[in-house]
Amino acid sequence: MKVNHTTIFMGDDTLRARHSEQSNSGVSGRKSINGSALQAKLDPIAAKKEKARKKAMKIVGDAFANEQKIDDDLNARRERIKSLQKDKGEANKAIREIEDSRAALRDVYGIDEDGQEEKDLKLLEKEIRAKMPGSVVHLSRDEMDAIKKIKEGGLSEYQQRSLEMLEFEVPYANTAYEADEQIKMENQIISATELERLKSHAMLDAGKQADAIMEEASKEIVGMLVDEVKEHIDDEAKEREEKAKAEKEKQEEIEERIDAAKEKKKENEELTEDILEGVQEASANASDVSAAQQEIKDMMNKMKLIEDDIKGAAVDTSV
């Protein structure tokens, strides 16, 4: 579900304005405020979204960094293979040069390639090559017996010099062999690493984890928005309830004042009747006229007060 941040009651612009006002209204010497903590307090939904984004980015970033590390290692191994191949090539070149020198030596001594001296040399050469590292040359029992006889009979000058030159090939042969073994090892590591990478899908898995984190954060944000809306609705309902209660109390007060005024009016009517009766009695007795007039005046003043109360109650009902 996609959450539209504009549904938040406190928008980004309002948040920034409040933050700016709080910063500008600060007094010199006041302790500094943690901006991220203030942001989380004022806008928890934005803080939740930012936290999830950072967590997702870290997962993807770590996976990318690990992949980059693997790439760097593979590239370093490929460069090492190139260096080893160069070493191997130079060693083989030196061996070829020595072999060319040995062939030239044979020509100098005028040795027939198919002659016995050359054949005996080849057998002696085979013994040396069998001892070289990584050699696939093996001597049979008959060959070892033949070599023994050749040595007992003594080597010719040509054979001695040719074998001495062959000994110079040994360190180059060792270099070529070791380089070849290391090249094989590096290629095996590269192949195994690339195969494992195909199985792991590190970046794809990291992407899925990041998506899951953002989706979970979206659900939480929706819940926070729902709670915020509920709280807003509850506050409005409470405000309306309090207002209605205040209006009811005011109406009850007005009704009480009206009832009181009506009661006073009733008392006034009764009092008026008493006055009229008194006037009638006073008219029968002339000496009591003055007293009756004063009594009437007092009664009228009381009636004036009651009339004002009734007017006041009427005014209150129109508020």
Protein backbone atom coordinates (compact mmCIF):
# COMPACT_ATOMS: atom_id res chain seq x y z
CA MET A 1 0.00 0.00 0.00
CA LYS A 2 1.36 3.39 -0.93
CA VAL A 3 1.11 6.00 1.82
CA ASN A 4 0.65 9.59 0.77
CA HIS A 5 2.49 11.75 3.26
CA THR A 6 0.13 14.69 2.60
CA THR A 7 -2.53 12.96 4.71
CA ILE A 8 -0.58 13.87 7.84
CA PHE A 9 -2.24 16.69 9.79
CA MET A 10 1.11 18.44 10.23
CA GLY A 11 2.59 19.01 6.76
CA ASP A 12 6.28 19.30 5.96
CA ASP A 13 6.09 23.08 5.44
CA THR A 14 4.33 23.58 8.77
CA LEU A 15 6.88 21.36 10.48
CA ARG A 16 9.77 23.31 9.02
CA ALA A 17 8.14 26.61 10.01
CA ARG A 18 7.66 25.46 13.59
CA HIS A 19 11.19 24.14 13.75
CA SER A 20 12.50 27.46 12.42
CA GLU A 21 10.44 29.45 14.93
CA GLN A 22 11.71 27.35 17.81
CA SER A 23 15.30 27.77 16.64
CA ASN A 24 14.97 31.56 16.17
CA SER A 25 13.25 32.09 19.53
CA GLY A 26 16.09 30.40 21.43
CA VAL A 27 18.04 32.37 24.05
CA SER A 28 21.82 32.71 23.79
CA GLY A 29 23.56 30.10 25.92
CA ARG A 30 20.71 27.56 25.74
CA LYS A 31 21.74 23.92 25.30
CA SER A 32 21.70 22.65 21.72
CA ILE A 33 18.75 20.53 20.58
CA ASN A 34 19.15 17.19 18.84
CA GLY A 35 17.63 17.84 15.42
CA SER A 36 16.82 14.22 14.63
CA ALA A 37 15.19 13.72 18.03
CA LEU A 38 13.10 16.86 17.55
CA GLN A 39 12.13 15.71 14.07
CA ALA A 40 11.03 12.32 15.42
CA LYS A 41 8.98 14.02 18.13
CA LEU A 42 7.25 16.51 15.83
CA ASP A 43 6.77 14.21 12.86
CA PRO A 44 7.01 10.53 13.95
CA ILE A 45 5.68 9.27 10.61
CA ALA A 46 8.45 11.00 8.64
CA ALA A 47 10.97 9.71 11.20
CA LYS A 48 9.65 6.16 10.79
CA LYS A 49 9.92 6.40 7.02
CA GLU A 50 13.47 7.81 7.18
CA LYS A 51 14.58 5.11 9.63
CA ALA A 52 13.25 2.36 7.35
CA ARG A 53 14.90 3.97 4.32
CA LYS A 54 18.29 4.09 6.07
CA LYS A 55 17.98 0.47 7.19
CA ALA A 56 17.06 -0.67 3.68
CA MET A 57 19.89 1.34 2.15
CA LYS A 58 22.37 -0.18 4.62
CA ILE A 59 21.35 -3.72 3.67
CA VAL A 60 21.68 -2.97 -0.04
CA GLY A 61 24.89 -1.00 0.54
CA ASP A 62 26.48 -3.79 2.57
CA ALA A 63 25.55 -6.34 -0.08
CA PHE A 64 26.99 -4.11 -2.81
CA ALA A 65 30.18 -3.53 -0.80
CA ASN A 66 30.57 -7.28 -0.33
CA GLU A 67 30.04 -7.87 -4.06
CA GLN A 68 32.57 -5.16 -4.83
CA LYS A 69 35.04 -6.82 -2.46
CA ILE A 70 34.57 -10.12 -4.29
CA ASP A 71 35.06 -8.38 -7.64
CA ASP A 72 38.25 -6.76 -6.38
CA ASP A 73 39.54 -10.14 -5.17
CA LEU A 74 38.72 -11.81 -8.50
CA ASN A 75 40.38 -9.02 -10.44
CA ALA A 76 43.48 -9.31 -8.23
CA ARG A 77 43.61 -13.05 -8.91
CA ARG A 78 43.27 -12.52 -12.66
CA GLU A 79 46.11 -10.02 -12.54
CA ARG A 80 48.20 -12.56 -10.61
CA ILE A 81 47.45 -15.17 -13.28
CA LYS A 82 48.72 -12.77 -15.92
CA SER A 83 51.91 -12.24 -13.90
CA LEU A 84 52.37 -16.00 -13.44
CA GLN A 85 51.80 -16.62 -17.12
CA LYS A 86 54.45 -14.06 -17.87
CA ASP A 87 56.88 -15.77 -15.49
CA LYS A 88 56.07 -19.14 -17.02
CA GLY A 89 56.55 -17.78 -20.52
CA GLU A 90 59.93 -16.28 -19.66
CA ALA A 91 61.04 -19.54 -18.03
CA ASN A 92 59.98 -21.59 -21.05
CA LYS A 93 61.74 -19.15 -23.32
CA ALA A 94 64.96 -19.59 -21.32
CA ILE A 95 64.57 -23.36 -21.58
CA ARG A 96 64.14 -23.14 -25.36
CA GLU A 97 67.24 -20.99 -25.62
CA ILE A 98 69.24 -23.56 -23.64
CA GLU A 99 67.93 -26.32 -25.90
CA ASP A 100 68.98 -24.30 -28.93
CA SER A 101 72.45 -23.92 -27.40
CA ARG A 102 72.65 -27.68 -26.80
CA ALA A 103 71.64 -28.33 -30.42
CA ALA A 104 74.36 -25.92 -31.56
CA LEU A 105 76.85 -27.71 -29.31
CA ARG A 106 75.97 -31.00 -31.02
CA ASP A 107 76.68 -29.40 -34.39
CA VAL A 108 80.02 -28.06 -33.10
CA TYR A 109 81.06 -31.56 -32.04
CA GLY A 110 79.61 -33.07 -35.22
CA ILE A 111 77.50 -35.58 -33.39
CA ASP A 112 75.09 -37.67 -35.44
CA GLU A 113 71.54 -37.43 -34.05
CA ASP A 114 71.03 -41.14 -34.75
CA GLY A 115 74.43 -42.16 -33.38
CA GLN A 116 75.00 -44.12 -30.15
CA GLU A 117 76.63 -41.18 -28.37
CA GLU A 118 73.49 -39.08 -28.88
CA LYS A 119 71.26 -41.97 -27.87
CA ASP A 120 73.23 -42.46 -24.65
CA LEU A 121 72.95 -38.70 -24.01
CA LYS A 122 69.19 -38.85 -24.43
CA LEU A 123 69.02 -41.63 -21.83
CA LEU A 124 71.15 -39.61 -19.39
CA GLU A 125 68.97 -36.57 -20.11
CA LYS A 126 65.85 -38.60 -19.31
CA GLU A 127 67.26 -39.39 -15.87
CA ILE A 128 67.66 -35.65 -15.13
CA ARG A 129 64.21 -34.75 -16.47
CA ALA A 130 62.59 -37.48 -14.36
CA LYS A 131 63.82 -35.66 -11.25
CA MET A 132 62.34 -32.27 -12.26
CA PRO A 133 59.19 -31.17 -10.33
CA GLY A 134 55.96 -32.16 -11.98
CA SER A 135 57.76 -34.44 -14.41
CA VAL A 136 55.81 -37.23 -16.08
CA VAL A 137 59.02 -38.97 -17.15
CA HIS A 138 59.65 -42.39 -15.58
CA LEU A 139 62.61 -44.73 -16.00
CA SER A 140 62.19 -48.43 -16.46
CA ARG A 141 64.49 -50.97 -14.76
CA ASP A 142 66.27 -51.62 -18.05
CA GLU A 143 66.82 -47.89 -18.57
CA MET A 144 68.30 -47.49 -15.09
CA ASP A 145 70.68 -50.42 -15.73
CA ALA A 146 71.72 -48.89 -19.07
CA ILE A 147 72.40 -45.52 -17.44
CA LYS A 148 74.56 -47.19 -14.82
CA LYS A 149 76.68 -48.85 -17.51
CA ILE A 150 77.06 -45.56 -19.42
CA LYS A 151 78.32 -43.78 -16.33
CA GLU A 152 80.69 -46.66 -15.51
CA GLY A 153 82.12 -46.44 -19.03
CA GLY A 154 82.59 -42.67 -18.69
CA LEU A 155 80.93 -39.72 -20.49
CA SER A 156 82.35 -37.98 -23.53
CA GLU A 157 83.21 -34.27 -23.38
CA TYR A 158 80.17 -33.50 -25.53
CA GLN A 159 77.90 -35.46 -23.22
CA GLN A 160 79.30 -33.76 -20.09
CA ARG A 161 78.94 -30.25 -21.54
CA SER A 162 75.46 -30.97 -22.89
CA LEU A 163 74.30 -32.33 -19.51
CA GLU A 164 75.81 -29.31 -17.71
CA MET A 165 73.79 -27.05 -19.98
CA LEU A 166 70.71 -29.15 -19.24
CA GLU A 167 71.22 -28.56 -15.49
CA PHE A 168 70.75 -24.84 -16.15
CA GLU A 169 67.20 -25.64 -17.24
CA VAL A 170 66.25 -27.01 -13.80
CA PRO A 171 65.53 -23.67 -12.02
CA TYR A 172 63.60 -22.45 -15.07
CA ALA A 173 61.67 -25.70 -15.15
CA ASN A 174 60.86 -25.27 -11.46
CA THR A 175 59.66 -21.71 -12.08
CA ALA A 176 57.46 -22.82 -14.98
CA TYR A 177 56.03 -25.70 -12.94
CA GLU A 178 55.27 -23.58 -9.85
CA ALA A 179 53.72 -20.86 -11.99
CA ASP A 180 51.55 -23.40 -13.74
CA GLU A 181 50.39 -24.89 -10.40
CA GLN A 182 49.52 -21.45 -9.00
CA ILE A 183 47.67 -20.57 -12.20
CA LYS A 184 45.58 -23.72 -11.82
CA MET A 185 44.87 -22.89 -8.16
CA GLU A 186 43.84 -19.30 -8.95
CA ASN A 187 41.57 -20.46 -11.77
CA GLN A 188 39.93 -22.97 -9.44
CA ILE A 189 39.28 -20.26 -6.83
CA ILE A 190 37.86 -17.93 -9.46
CA SER A 191 35.57 -20.64 -10.84
CA ALA A 192 34.37 -21.65 -7.35
CA THR A 193 33.74 -18.03 -6.35
CA GLU A 194 31.75 -17.26 -9.49
CA LEU A 195 29.72 -20.46 -9.07
CA GLU A 196 28.94 -19.59 -5.44
CA ARG A 197 27.95 -16.09 -6.47
CA LEU A 198 25.46 -17.50 -8.97
CA LYS A 199 23.93 -19.60 -6.20
CA SER A 200 23.75 -16.85 -3.58
CA HIS A 201 22.02 -13.99 -5.50
CA ALA A 202 23.33 -11.58 -2.84
CA MET A 203 22.14 -8.36 -4.47
CA LEU A 204 18.74 -9.84 -5.33
CA ASP A 205 18.27 -11.08 -1.77
CA ALA A 206 19.34 -7.70 -0.39
CA GLY A 207 16.82 -5.99 -2.65
CA LYS A 208 14.06 -8.27 -1.37
CA GLN A 209 15.02 -7.56 2.24
CA ALA A 210 15.01 -3.83 1.55
CA ASP A 211 11.56 -4.08 -0.07
CA ALA A 212 10.27 -6.05 2.92
CA ILE A 213 11.57 -3.41 5.33
CA MET A 214 9.93 -0.58 3.39
CA GLU A 215 6.67 -2.53 3.11
CA GLU A 216 6.62 -3.20 6.86
CA ALA A 217 7.35 0.46 7.54
CA SER A 218 4.47 1.44 5.22
CA LYS A 219 2.11 -0.78 7.20
CA GLU A 220 3.27 0.79 10.45
CA ILE A 221 2.86 4.25 8.98
CA VAL A 222 -0.70 3.41 7.92
CA GLY A 223 -1.39 2.29 11.48
CA MET A 224 0.08 5.52 12.82
CA LEU A 225 -2.07 7.54 10.43
CA VAL A 226 -5.18 5.62 11.48
CA ASP A 227 -4.36 6.27 15.15
CA GLU A 228 -3.77 9.93 14.40
CA VAL A 229 -7.12 10.21 12.61
CA LYS A 230 -8.87 8.41 15.47
CA GLU A 231 -7.26 10.73 17.99
CA HIS A 232 -8.29 13.73 15.92
CA ILE A 233 -11.88 12.46 15.68
CA ASP A 234 -11.98 11.69 19.42
CA ASP A 235 -10.72 15.20 20.22
CA GLU A 236 -13.40 16.76 18.02
CA ALA A 237 -16.11 14.55 19.56
CA LYS A 238 -14.96 15.45 23.06
CA GLU A 239 -14.95 19.13 22.15
CA ARG A 240 -18.49 18.89 20.75
CA GLU A 241 -19.63 16.99 23.87
CA GLU A 242 -18.17 19.61 26.19
CA LYS A 243 -19.75 22.40 24.13
CA ALA A 244 -23.15 20.68 24.17
CA LYS A 245 -22.87 20.18 27.93
CA ALA A 246 -22.06 23.86 28.43
CA GLU A 247 -25.01 24.91 26.25
CA LYS A 248 -27.32 22.56 28.16
CA GLU A 249 -26.21 23.99 31.49
CA LYS A 250 -26.73 27.51 30.18
CA GLN A 251 -30.21 26.62 28.90
CA GLU A 252 -31.10 25.09 32.24
CA GLU A 253 -29.94 28.26 34.00
CA ILE A 254 -32.11 30.38 31.67
CA GLU A 255 -35.11 28.13 32.28
CA GLU A 256 -34.60 28.41 36.03
CA ARG A 257 -34.51 32.21 35.77
CA ILE A 258 -37.67 32.18 33.64
CA ASP A 259 -39.42 29.94 36.15
CA ALA A 260 -38.34 32.26 38.94
CA ALA A 261 -39.62 35.27 37.00
CA LYS A 262 -42.92 33.52 36.39
CA GLU A 263 -43.18 32.77 40.08
CA LYS A 264 -42.52 36.41 40.89
CA LYS A 265 -45.09 37.45 38.31
CA LYS A 266 -47.64 35.18 39.94
CA GLU A 267 -46.79 36.64 43.32
CA ASN A 268 -47.17 40.11 41.81
CA GLU A 269 -50.61 39.30 40.45
CA GLU A 270 -51.66 38.07 43.85
CA LEU A 271 -50.17 41.18 45.38
CA THR A 272 -52.04 43.37 42.90
CA GLU A 273 -55.29 41.74 43.88
CA ASP A 274 -54.49 42.46 47.49
CA ILE A 275 -53.80 46.08 46.61
CA LEU A 276 -57.06 46.41 44.77
CA GLU A 277 -58.90 45.02 47.69
CA GLY A 278 -57.04 47.42 49.93
CA VAL A 279 -57.95 50.33 47.68
CA GLN A 280 -61.57 49.37 47.83
CA GLU A 281 -61.42 49.25 51.56
CA ALA A 282 -59.52 52.56 51.63
CA SER A 283 -62.13 54.30 49.52
CA ALA A 284 -64.66 53.34 52.15
CA ASN A 285 -62.56 54.97 54.77
CA ALA A 286 -61.34 58.45 53.67
CA SER A 287 -58.88 58.75 56.55
CA ASP A 288 -56.95 55.77 55.21
CA VAL A 289 -56.54 57.21 51.64
CA SER A 290 -53.05 58.51 52.20
CA ALA A 291 -51.82 55.23 53.60
CA ALA A 292 -53.40 53.37 50.74
CA GLN A 293 -51.67 55.56 48.21
CA GLN A 294 -48.28 54.89 49.80
CA GLU A 295 -48.95 51.19 49.83
CA ILE A 296 -49.89 51.30 46.15
CA LYS A 297 -46.68 53.12 45.35
CA ASP A 298 -44.59 50.48 47.14
CA MET A 299 -46.38 47.71 45.33
CA MET A 300 -45.73 49.34 41.95
CA ASN A 301 -42.01 49.60 42.71
CA LYS A 302 -41.94 45.88 43.46
CA MET A 303 -43.74 45.20 40.21
CA LYS A 304 -41.12 47.25 38.34
CA LEU A 305 -38.37 45.04 39.73
CA ILE A 306 -40.23 41.90 38.71
CA GLU A 307 -40.74 43.33 35.19
CA ASP A 308 -37.00 43.96 34.83
CA ASP A 309 -36.24 40.39 35.86
CA ILE A 310 -38.62 39.06 33.26
CA LYS A 311 -37.04 41.27 30.57
CA GLY A 312 -33.57 40.03 31.59
CA ALA A 313 -34.63 36.41 31.28
CA ALA A 314 -36.08 37.12 27.85
CA VAL A 315 -32.84 38.68 26.71
CA ASP A 316 -30.84 35.65 27.88
CA THR A 317 -32.99 33.27 25.84
CA SER A 318 -32.07 35.14 22.66
CA VAL A 319 -28.26 34.68 23.20
